Amino acid sequence: MTCAAAASQRQGYHRNLLDHIDAIGIEALFCLENLRRHRDPSFFNHIFDKFEEIASMSPSLFLDALPHIFSSYIRCLRQYRSALYAQGGHRDVGPTERLRADGMFFFVMCNSLIDKFTFVKQAWSARRSLLCLVEQEDLFSVFQRDAESSLKQLGHLAVDTLNEIDKRTPISRTKSC
């Protein structure tokens, strides 16, 4: 076996190992027992405090990973949907709306974390990826006033940022933002 072939084989094993570590970490973080506690504010605060610690060590790497974490959270909510959103407790809101609300709450928390690292080039890329996931997963609904407010603030921030970048051609805020 040549050196190049051995190196390529090691890279394949390395990638496979990282994939397994990722799967184990996501499974531990978003297991059913933890997801049942996700409505407790201290649960999310603890997780996002840890995320912030990790992000402060390597903001660009963490921001690149954040959409994957968000996507994994939504996937786990869907996986455990029947156990999490069984009948009871919310007679006026069905399981789909509860899943959407939980997903948008996590989105808002992710966005708040990104706000602390706006100096990092990947911040807007992470925001775009999160917004794409919100759209793909059909998470936003008119019943979510907190999420609506967060999305409006994000729209204003985007316009302000674009204005900063190109002061020669200002973009005005519209009511659709």
N, C-alpha and C. Protein backbone atom coordinates (compact mmCIF):
# COMPACT_ATOMS: atom_id res chain seq x y z
N MET A 1 0.85 -1.16 0.00
CA MET A 1 0.00 0.00 0.00
C MET A 1 0.90 1.23 0.00
N THR A 2 0.58 2.17 -0.86
CA THR A 2 1.37 3.40 -0.94
C THR A 2 1.02 4.32 0.22
N CYS A 3 1.88 5.31 0.44
CA CYS A 3 1.63 6.29 1.52
C CYS A 3 0.34 7.07 1.25
N ALA A 4 0.12 7.44 -0.01
CA ALA A 4 -1.08 8.19 -0.36
C ALA A 4 -2.34 7.36 -0.11
N ALA A 5 -2.29 6.09 -0.45
CA ALA A 5 -3.45 5.21 -0.24
C ALA A 5 -3.71 5.02 1.25
N ALA A 6 -2.63 4.87 2.04
CA ALA A 6 -2.79 4.71 3.48
C ALA A 6 -3.37 5.98 4.11
N ALA A 7 -2.90 7.14 3.65
CA ALA A 7 -3.42 8.41 4.16
C ALA A 7 -4.89 8.56 3.81
N SER A 8 -5.26 8.19 2.60
CA SER A 8 -6.65 8.27 2.17
C SER A 8 -7.52 7.34 3.01
N GLN A 9 -7.01 6.14 3.29
CA GLN A 9 -7.75 5.19 4.11
C GLN A 9 -7.93 5.73 5.53
N ARG A 10 -6.88 6.35 6.10
CA ARG A 10 -6.97 6.95 7.44
C ARG A 10 -8.00 8.07 7.46
N GLN A 11 -8.03 8.87 6.38
CA GLN A 11 -9.01 9.97 6.32
C GLN A 11 -10.43 9.41 6.30
N GLY A 12 -10.62 8.31 5.58
CA GLY A 12 -11.94 7.67 5.55
C GLY A 12 -12.35 7.16 6.92
N TYR A 13 -11.41 6.52 7.62
CA TYR A 13 -11.69 6.06 8.99
C TYR A 13 -11.96 7.25 9.90
N HIS A 14 -11.18 8.31 9.74
CA HIS A 14 -11.34 9.51 10.56
C HIS A 14 -12.72 10.11 10.35
N ARG A 15 -13.13 10.24 9.10
CA ARG A 15 -14.46 10.79 8.79
C ARG A 15 -15.55 9.90 9.38
N ASN A 16 -15.39 8.58 9.25
CA ASN A 16 -16.36 7.63 9.77
C ASN A 16 -16.43 7.73 11.30
N LEU A 17 -15.27 7.88 11.95
CA LEU A 17 -15.23 8.03 13.40
C LEU A 17 -15.95 9.31 13.82
N LEU A 18 -15.68 10.41 13.13
CA LEU A 18 -16.35 11.67 13.44
C LEU A 18 -17.86 11.57 13.26
N ASP A 19 -18.29 10.87 12.21
CA ASP A 19 -19.73 10.67 11.99
C ASP A 19 -20.37 9.90 13.16
N HIS A 20 -19.66 8.87 13.65
CA HIS A 20 -20.18 8.09 14.77
C HIS A 20 -20.20 8.91 16.06
N ILE A 21 -19.16 9.69 16.29
CA ILE A 21 -19.12 10.55 17.47
C ILE A 21 -20.26 11.56 17.41
N ASP A 22 -20.48 12.14 16.22
CA ASP A 22 -21.57 13.09 16.04
C ASP A 22 -22.92 12.43 16.35
N ALA A 23 -23.15 11.25 15.81
CA ALA A 23 -24.42 10.56 16.03
C ALA A 23 -24.63 10.26 17.52
N ILE A 24 -23.58 9.83 18.20
CA ILE A 24 -23.68 9.53 19.63
C ILE A 24 -23.96 10.81 20.42
N GLY A 25 -23.28 11.89 20.07
CA GLY A 25 -23.47 13.16 20.77
C GLY A 25 -24.87 13.70 20.59
N ILE A 26 -25.38 13.67 19.37
CA ILE A 26 -26.73 14.15 19.11
C ILE A 26 -27.74 13.27 19.83
N GLU A 27 -27.51 11.96 19.78
CA GLU A 27 -28.42 11.02 20.45
C GLU A 27 -28.47 11.30 21.96
N ALA A 28 -27.32 11.59 22.56
CA ALA A 28 -27.26 11.87 24.00
C ALA A 28 -27.91 13.23 24.31
N LEU A 29 -27.61 14.23 23.50
CA LEU A 29 -28.11 15.57 23.74
C LEU A 29 -29.62 15.66 23.56
N PHE A 30 -30.12 15.02 22.52
CA PHE A 30 -31.54 15.14 22.19
C PHE A 30 -32.28 13.81 22.34
N CYS A 31 -31.90 13.04 23.37
CA CYS A 31 -32.62 11.80 23.65
C CYS A 31 -34.02 12.14 24.19
N LEU A 32 -34.89 11.18 24.21
CA LEU A 32 -36.27 11.41 24.63
C LEU A 32 -36.34 12.00 26.03
N GLU A 33 -35.54 11.49 26.95
CA GLU A 33 -35.56 12.01 28.32
C GLU A 33 -35.21 13.50 28.36
N ASN A 34 -34.21 13.92 27.60
CA ASN A 34 -33.85 15.34 27.55
C ASN A 34 -34.91 16.16 26.84
N LEU A 35 -35.46 15.62 25.77
CA LEU A 35 -36.49 16.37 25.05
C LEU A 35 -37.73 16.58 25.91
N ARG A 36 -38.01 15.67 26.80
CA ARG A 36 -39.15 15.86 27.70
C ARG A 36 -38.90 17.02 28.66
N ARG A 37 -37.64 17.33 28.91
CA ARG A 37 -37.29 18.44 29.81
C ARG A 37 -37.08 19.74 29.06
N HIS A 38 -37.22 19.73 27.75
CA HIS A 38 -36.84 20.91 26.96
C HIS A 38 -37.75 22.11 27.19
N ARG A 39 -38.89 21.93 27.80
CA ARG A 39 -39.75 23.09 28.10
C ARG A 39 -39.32 23.80 29.38
N ASP A 40 -38.40 23.19 30.11
CA ASP A 40 -37.86 23.80 31.32
C ASP A 40 -36.77 24.79 30.89
N PRO A 41 -36.96 26.09 31.18
CA PRO A 41 -35.98 27.09 30.72
C PRO A 41 -34.55 26.80 31.17
N SER A 42 -34.38 26.22 32.37
CA SER A 42 -33.02 25.94 32.84
C SER A 42 -32.34 24.90 31.96
N PHE A 43 -33.11 23.99 31.36
CA PHE A 43 -32.53 22.99 30.47
C PHE A 43 -31.90 23.66 29.26
N PHE A 44 -32.66 24.53 28.59
CA PHE A 44 -32.12 25.23 27.42
C PHE A 44 -31.00 26.19 27.80
N ASN A 45 -31.17 26.88 28.92
CA ASN A 45 -30.12 27.81 29.35
C ASN A 45 -28.80 27.08 29.56
N HIS A 46 -28.86 25.91 30.16
CA HIS A 46 -27.64 25.12 30.39
C HIS A 46 -27.01 24.71 29.06
N ILE A 47 -27.83 24.20 28.16
CA ILE A 47 -27.30 23.77 26.85
C ILE A 47 -26.68 24.95 26.11
N PHE A 48 -27.38 26.07 26.06
CA PHE A 48 -26.86 27.20 25.29
C PHE A 48 -25.69 27.89 26.00
N ASP A 49 -25.59 27.78 27.32
CA ASP A 49 -24.38 28.25 28.00
C ASP A 49 -23.18 27.42 27.56
N LYS A 50 -23.36 26.12 27.47
CA LYS A 50 -22.28 25.23 27.01
C LYS A 50 -21.95 25.52 25.54
N PHE A 51 -23.00 25.70 24.72
CA PHE A 51 -22.75 26.05 23.32
C PHE A 51 -21.93 27.33 23.21
N GLU A 52 -22.25 28.31 24.05
CA GLU A 52 -21.52 29.58 24.00
C GLU A 52 -20.06 29.39 24.40
N GLU A 53 -19.82 28.54 25.40
CA GLU A 53 -18.43 28.24 25.78
C GLU A 53 -17.67 27.64 24.61
N ILE A 54 -18.29 26.68 23.95
CA ILE A 54 -17.65 26.03 22.80
C ILE A 54 -17.44 27.05 21.68
N ALA A 55 -18.46 27.85 21.42
CA ALA A 55 -18.38 28.84 20.34
C ALA A 55 -17.29 29.86 20.60
N SER A 56 -17.08 30.23 21.85
CA SER A 56 -16.06 31.23 22.16
C SER A 56 -14.66 30.69 21.89
N MET A 57 -14.49 29.38 21.93
CA MET A 57 -13.19 28.77 21.63
C MET A 57 -12.91 28.76 20.13
N SER A 58 -13.95 28.51 19.35
CA SER A 58 -13.79 28.46 17.90
C SER A 58 -15.10 28.88 17.24
N PRO A 59 -15.35 30.20 17.18
CA PRO A 59 -16.64 30.68 16.67
C PRO A 59 -16.97 30.19 15.26
N SER A 60 -16.00 30.23 14.37
CA SER A 60 -16.32 29.86 12.99
C SER A 60 -16.69 28.39 12.87
N LEU A 61 -15.97 27.51 13.57
CA LEU A 61 -16.31 26.09 13.51
C LEU A 61 -17.68 25.83 14.13
N PHE A 62 -17.95 26.48 15.25
CA PHE A 62 -19.25 26.26 15.90
C PHE A 62 -20.39 26.79 15.03
N LEU A 63 -20.21 27.97 14.47
CA LEU A 63 -21.27 28.54 13.62
C LEU A 63 -21.51 27.67 12.39
N ASP A 64 -20.47 27.04 11.88
CA ASP A 64 -20.64 26.11 10.76
C ASP A 64 -21.45 24.89 11.19
N ALA A 65 -21.30 24.49 12.46
CA ALA A 65 -21.99 23.29 12.96
C ALA A 65 -23.41 23.58 13.45
N LEU A 66 -23.72 24.82 13.77
CA LEU A 66 -25.01 25.16 14.38
C LEU A 66 -26.23 24.73 13.54
N PRO A 67 -26.23 24.93 12.23
CA PRO A 67 -27.39 24.45 11.45
C PRO A 67 -27.58 22.93 11.56
N HIS A 68 -26.48 22.19 11.65
CA HIS A 68 -26.58 20.74 11.80
C HIS A 68 -27.20 20.40 13.16
N ILE A 69 -26.81 21.13 14.20
CA ILE A 69 -27.37 20.90 15.53
C ILE A 69 -28.87 21.20 15.51
N PHE A 70 -29.25 22.32 14.89
CA PHE A 70 -30.66 22.69 14.79
C PHE A 70 -31.44 21.62 14.02
N SER A 71 -30.91 21.20 12.89
CA SER A 71 -31.55 20.17 12.09
C SER A 71 -31.71 18.87 12.87
N SER A 72 -30.70 18.52 13.64
CA SER A 72 -30.75 17.30 14.45
C SER A 72 -31.81 17.41 15.53
N TYR A 73 -31.93 18.59 16.12
CA TYR A 73 -32.95 18.81 17.14
C TYR A 73 -34.35 18.60 16.54
N ILE A 74 -34.58 19.18 15.37
CA ILE A 74 -35.89 19.03 14.72
C ILE A 74 -36.14 17.56 14.36
N ARG A 75 -35.10 16.90 13.85
CA ARG A 75 -35.23 15.48 13.49
C ARG A 75 -35.61 14.66 14.72
N CYS A 76 -34.99 14.95 15.86
CA CYS A 76 -35.30 14.21 17.09
C CYS A 76 -36.70 14.54 17.60
N LEU A 77 -37.12 15.81 17.49
CA LEU A 77 -38.51 16.14 17.86
C LEU A 77 -39.48 15.31 17.04
N ARG A 78 -39.21 15.22 15.75
CA ARG A 78 -40.10 14.45 14.86
C ARG A 78 -40.04 12.95 15.20
N GLN A 79 -38.84 12.46 15.50
CA GLN A 79 -38.66 11.05 15.83
C GLN A 79 -39.46 10.66 17.08
N TYR A 80 -39.47 11.53 18.07
CA TYR A 80 -40.15 11.24 19.34
C TYR A 80 -41.49 11.97 19.46
N ARG A 81 -42.02 12.38 18.34
CA ARG A 81 -43.24 13.19 18.31
C ARG A 81 -44.39 12.57 19.10
N SER A 82 -44.67 11.30 18.89
CA SER A 82 -45.82 10.69 19.57
C SER A 82 -45.61 10.64 21.09
N ALA A 83 -44.40 10.44 21.55
CA ALA A 83 -44.13 10.41 22.99
C ALA A 83 -44.14 11.82 23.59
N LEU A 84 -43.68 12.81 22.83
CA LEU A 84 -43.59 14.18 23.34
C LEU A 84 -44.92 14.91 23.30
N TYR A 85 -45.70 14.65 22.27
CA TYR A 85 -46.90 15.44 22.04
C TYR A 85 -48.17 14.60 22.12
N ALA A 86 -48.14 13.63 23.01
CA ALA A 86 -49.33 12.79 23.19
C ALA A 86 -50.46 13.66 23.74
N GLN A 87 -51.65 13.14 23.69
CA GLN A 87 -52.83 13.88 24.16
C GLN A 87 -52.60 14.38 25.58
N GLY A 88 -53.20 15.50 25.87
CA GLY A 88 -53.16 16.04 27.23
C GLY A 88 -52.35 17.30 27.33
N GLY A 89 -52.78 18.16 28.20
CA GLY A 89 -52.04 19.37 28.50
C GLY A 89 -52.32 20.55 27.60
N HIS A 90 -52.48 20.32 26.32
CA HIS A 90 -52.68 21.41 25.35
C HIS A 90 -53.87 21.09 24.46
N ARG A 91 -55.06 21.18 24.99
CA ARG A 91 -56.25 20.81 24.23
C ARG A 91 -56.48 21.71 23.02
N ASP A 92 -56.07 22.99 23.15
CA ASP A 92 -56.34 23.94 22.07
C ASP A 92 -55.26 23.95 20.98
N VAL A 93 -54.13 23.29 21.23
CA VAL A 93 -53.03 23.27 20.25
C VAL A 93 -52.65 21.83 19.98
N GLY A 94 -52.63 21.47 18.70
CA GLY A 94 -52.30 20.10 18.32
C GLY A 94 -50.80 19.83 18.33
N PRO A 95 -50.45 18.57 18.11
CA PRO A 95 -49.04 18.17 18.13
C PRO A 95 -48.19 18.88 17.08
N THR A 96 -48.74 19.16 15.92
CA THR A 96 -47.96 19.84 14.88
C THR A 96 -47.58 21.23 15.32
N GLU A 97 -48.54 21.96 15.89
CA GLU A 97 -48.24 23.32 16.36
C GLU A 97 -47.27 23.30 17.53
N ARG A 98 -47.37 22.31 18.39
CA ARG A 98 -46.44 22.22 19.52
C ARG A 98 -45.03 21.92 19.03
N LEU A 99 -44.90 21.04 18.04
CA LEU A 99 -43.58 20.76 17.46
C LEU A 99 -43.02 22.02 16.80
N ARG A 100 -43.85 22.71 16.05
CA ARG A 100 -43.41 23.96 15.42
C ARG A 100 -42.94 24.98 16.46
N ALA A 101 -43.72 25.12 17.52
CA ALA A 101 -43.36 26.08 18.57
C ALA A 101 -42.04 25.71 19.22
N ASP A 102 -41.84 24.42 19.49
CA ASP A 102 -40.58 23.99 20.09
C ASP A 102 -39.41 24.21 19.13
N GLY A 103 -39.64 23.94 17.85
CA GLY A 103 -38.60 24.17 16.85
C GLY A 103 -38.25 25.65 16.73
N MET A 104 -39.26 26.50 16.73
CA MET A 104 -39.00 27.93 16.61
C MET A 104 -38.35 28.49 17.88
N PHE A 105 -38.67 27.92 19.03
CA PHE A 105 -38.00 28.35 20.26
C PHE A 105 -36.50 28.05 20.16
N PHE A 106 -36.17 26.88 19.66
CA PHE A 106 -34.75 26.51 19.50
C PHE A 106 -34.10 27.43 18.46
N PHE A 107 -34.82 27.75 17.40
CA PHE A 107 -34.32 28.69 16.40
C PHE A 107 -33.99 30.04 17.04
N VAL A 108 -34.90 30.55 17.86
CA VAL A 108 -34.69 31.84 18.52
C VAL A 108 -33.46 31.77 19.43
N MET A 109 -33.30 30.67 20.15
CA MET A 109 -32.13 30.51 21.01
C MET A 109 -30.84 30.47 20.18
N CYS A 110 -30.88 29.76 19.04
CA CYS A 110 -29.71 29.71 18.15
C CYS A 110 -29.38 31.10 17.63
N ASN A 111 -30.39 31.82 17.24
CA ASN A 111 -30.19 33.17 16.71
C ASN A 111 -29.61 34.11 17.76
N SER A 112 -30.06 33.96 19.00
CA SER A 112 -29.51 34.77 20.10
C SER A 112 -28.03 34.46 20.31
N LEU A 113 -27.68 33.22 20.15
CA LEU A 113 -26.27 32.84 20.27
C LEU A 113 -25.44 33.43 19.13
N ILE A 114 -25.97 33.38 17.93
CA ILE A 114 -25.27 33.96 16.77
C ILE A 114 -25.05 35.45 16.99
N ASP A 115 -26.01 36.13 17.62
CA ASP A 115 -25.88 37.57 17.88
C ASP A 115 -24.61 37.90 18.65
N LYS A 116 -24.11 36.97 19.43
CA LYS A 116 -22.90 37.21 20.23
C LYS A 116 -21.63 37.08 19.39
N PHE A 117 -21.77 36.58 18.17
CA PHE A 117 -20.60 36.34 17.32
C PHE A 117 -20.77 36.97 15.94
N THR A 118 -21.40 38.13 15.89
CA THR A 118 -21.65 38.76 14.59
C THR A 118 -20.37 39.19 13.90
N PHE A 119 -19.27 39.28 14.62
CA PHE A 119 -18.00 39.65 14.01
C PHE A 119 -17.41 38.51 13.18
N VAL A 120 -17.96 37.33 13.31
CA VAL A 120 -17.45 36.17 12.58
C VAL A 120 -18.14 36.07 11.23
N LYS A 121 -17.32 35.86 10.21
CA LYS A 121 -17.82 35.80 8.84
C LYS A 121 -18.95 34.78 8.67
N GLN A 122 -18.90 33.69 9.37
CA GLN A 122 -19.89 32.61 9.21
C GLN A 122 -21.23 32.93 9.87
N ALA A 123 -21.33 34.03 10.59
CA ALA A 123 -22.58 34.34 11.30
C ALA A 123 -23.77 34.43 10.34
N TRP A 124 -23.62 35.17 9.26
CA TRP A 124 -24.74 35.31 8.33
C TRP A 124 -25.00 34.03 7.56
N SER A 125 -23.98 33.27 7.30
CA SER A 125 -24.17 31.98 6.64
C SER A 125 -24.97 31.05 7.55
N ALA A 126 -24.65 31.07 8.84
CA ALA A 126 -25.39 30.24 9.79
C ALA A 126 -26.85 30.69 9.88
N ARG A 127 -27.08 32.01 9.92
CA ARG A 127 -28.45 32.52 9.96
C ARG A 127 -29.24 32.07 8.73
N ARG A 128 -28.62 32.19 7.57
CA ARG A 128 -29.29 31.79 6.33
C ARG A 128 -29.65 30.30 6.38
N SER A 129 -28.71 29.48 6.83
CA SER A 129 -28.97 28.04 6.91
C SER A 129 -30.09 27.73 7.89
N LEU A 130 -30.11 28.42 9.02
CA LEU A 130 -31.18 28.21 9.99
C LEU A 130 -32.54 28.60 9.40
N LEU A 131 -32.56 29.75 8.72
CA LEU A 131 -33.82 30.18 8.09
C LEU A 131 -34.29 29.20 7.02
N CYS A 132 -33.36 28.67 6.26
CA CYS A 132 -33.72 27.66 5.25
C CYS A 132 -34.33 26.42 5.92
N LEU A 133 -33.77 26.03 7.05
CA LEU A 133 -34.31 24.88 7.77
C LEU A 133 -35.70 25.17 8.33
N VAL A 134 -35.91 26.39 8.82
CA VAL A 134 -37.25 26.77 9.29
C VAL A 134 -38.25 26.62 8.15
N GLU A 135 -37.85 27.07 6.96
CA GLU A 135 -38.75 26.96 5.81
C GLU A 135 -38.93 25.50 5.39
N GLN A 136 -37.84 24.76 5.25
CA GLN A 136 -37.93 23.36 4.82
C GLN A 136 -38.76 22.51 5.77
N GLU A 137 -38.61 22.76 7.05
CA GLU A 137 -39.31 21.96 8.06
C GLU A 137 -40.70 22.51 8.37
N ASP A 138 -41.06 23.62 7.71
CA ASP A 138 -42.38 24.23 7.90
C ASP A 138 -42.66 24.50 9.38
N LEU A 139 -41.70 25.19 10.03
CA LEU A 139 -41.79 25.40 11.47
C LEU A 139 -42.57 26.65 11.86
N PHE A 140 -42.58 27.65 11.01
CA PHE A 140 -43.22 28.91 11.39
C PHE A 140 -44.71 28.86 11.13
N SER A 141 -45.48 29.37 12.09
CA SER A 141 -46.91 29.52 11.88
C SER A 141 -47.37 30.82 12.52
N VAL A 142 -48.53 31.26 12.15
CA VAL A 142 -49.05 32.55 12.62
C VAL A 142 -49.35 32.55 14.11
N PHE A 143 -49.35 31.40 14.75
CA PHE A 143 -49.65 31.32 16.18
C PHE A 143 -48.43 31.64 17.05
N GLN A 144 -47.29 31.84 16.44
CA GLN A 144 -46.04 32.02 17.19
C GLN A 144 -45.60 33.48 17.21
N ARG A 145 -46.13 34.22 18.14
CA ARG A 145 -45.83 35.66 18.23
C ARG A 145 -44.37 35.92 18.58
N ASP A 146 -43.79 35.13 19.49
CA ASP A 146 -42.38 35.33 19.85
C ASP A 146 -41.48 35.09 18.65
N ALA A 147 -41.75 34.04 17.91
CA ALA A 147 -40.95 33.72 16.73
C ALA A 147 -41.13 34.79 15.67
N GLU A 148 -42.35 35.29 15.51
CA GLU A 148 -42.61 36.34 14.53
C GLU A 148 -41.79 37.59 14.87
N SER A 149 -41.76 37.94 16.13
CA SER A 149 -40.98 39.09 16.58
C SER A 149 -39.49 38.89 16.30
N SER A 150 -39.01 37.70 16.57
CA SER A 150 -37.59 37.39 16.33
C SER A 150 -37.25 37.47 14.84
N LEU A 151 -38.15 36.97 14.01
CA LEU A 151 -37.91 37.03 12.56
C LEU A 151 -37.92 38.46 12.06
N LYS A 152 -38.81 39.29 12.60
CA LYS A 152 -38.82 40.71 12.21
C LYS A 152 -37.53 41.39 12.62
N GLN A 153 -37.06 41.12 13.84
CA GLN A 153 -35.80 41.70 14.29
C GLN A 153 -34.64 41.25 13.40
N LEU A 154 -34.67 39.99 13.01
CA LEU A 154 -33.63 39.47 12.12
C LEU A 154 -33.68 40.18 10.77
N GLY A 155 -34.88 40.45 10.27
CA GLY A 155 -35.02 41.19 9.02
C GLY A 155 -34.45 42.59 9.13
N HIS A 156 -34.76 43.27 10.22
CA HIS A 156 -34.21 44.61 10.44
C HIS A 156 -32.69 44.58 10.54
N LEU A 157 -32.17 43.59 11.26
CA LEU A 157 -30.72 43.45 11.40
C LEU A 157 -30.06 43.22 10.03
N ALA A 158 -30.71 42.41 9.20
CA ALA A 158 -30.16 42.16 7.86
C ALA A 158 -30.11 43.44 7.04
N VAL A 159 -31.18 44.21 7.08
CA VAL A 159 -31.21 45.47 6.33
C VAL A 159 -30.15 46.43 6.87
N ASP A 160 -30.04 46.54 8.18
CA ASP A 160 -29.03 47.42 8.78
C ASP A 160 -27.61 46.98 8.39
N THR A 161 -27.38 45.69 8.40
CA THR A 161 -26.06 45.17 8.03
C THR A 161 -25.75 45.46 6.57
N LEU A 162 -26.72 45.24 5.72
CA LEU A 162 -26.51 45.55 4.30
C LEU A 162 -26.26 47.04 4.08
N ASN A 163 -26.96 47.88 4.83
CA ASN A 163 -26.72 49.32 4.74
C ASN A 163 -25.31 49.67 5.18
N GLU A 164 -24.83 49.00 6.22
CA GLU A 164 -23.46 49.23 6.67
C GLU A 164 -22.45 48.84 5.60
N ILE A 165 -22.72 47.73 4.94
CA ILE A 165 -21.80 47.23 3.92
C ILE A 165 -21.77 48.16 2.71
N ASP A 166 -22.91 48.65 2.31
CA ASP A 166 -22.97 49.48 1.12
C ASP A 166 -23.67 50.80 1.43
N LYS A 167 -22.94 51.71 2.03
CA LYS A 167 -23.52 53.00 2.42
C LYS A 167 -23.86 53.85 1.20
N ARG A 168 -23.29 53.53 0.04
CA ARG A 168 -23.57 54.31 -1.17
C ARG A 168 -24.98 54.09 -1.68
N THR A 169 -25.54 52.91 -1.46
CA THR A 169 -26.88 52.59 -1.95
C THR A 169 -27.71 52.05 -0.80
N PRO A 170 -28.20 52.93 0.06
CA PRO A 170 -28.96 52.45 1.21
C PRO A 170 -30.23 51.71 0.80
N ILE A 171 -30.54 50.72 1.62
CA ILE A 171 -31.76 49.93 1.42
C ILE A 171 -32.72 50.36 2.51
N SER A 172 -33.91 50.75 2.14
CA SER A 172 -34.86 51.18 3.17
C SER A 172 -35.61 49.99 3.74
N ARG A 173 -35.98 50.12 4.99
CA ARG A 173 -36.82 49.11 5.62
C ARG A 173 -38.22 49.24 5.08
N THR A 174 -38.84 48.13 4.87
CA THR A 174 -40.24 48.14 4.44
C THR A 174 -41.06 47.40 5.47
N LYS A 175 -42.35 47.52 5.37
CA LYS A 175 -43.22 46.83 6.31
C LYS A 175 -43.12 45.31 6.15
N SER A 176 -42.66 44.83 5.01
CA SER A 176 -42.57 43.38 4.81
C SER A 176 -41.39 42.79 5.57
N CYS A 177 -40.46 43.62 6.04
CA CYS A 177 -39.36 43.09 6.86
C CYS A 177 -39.90 42.81 8.20
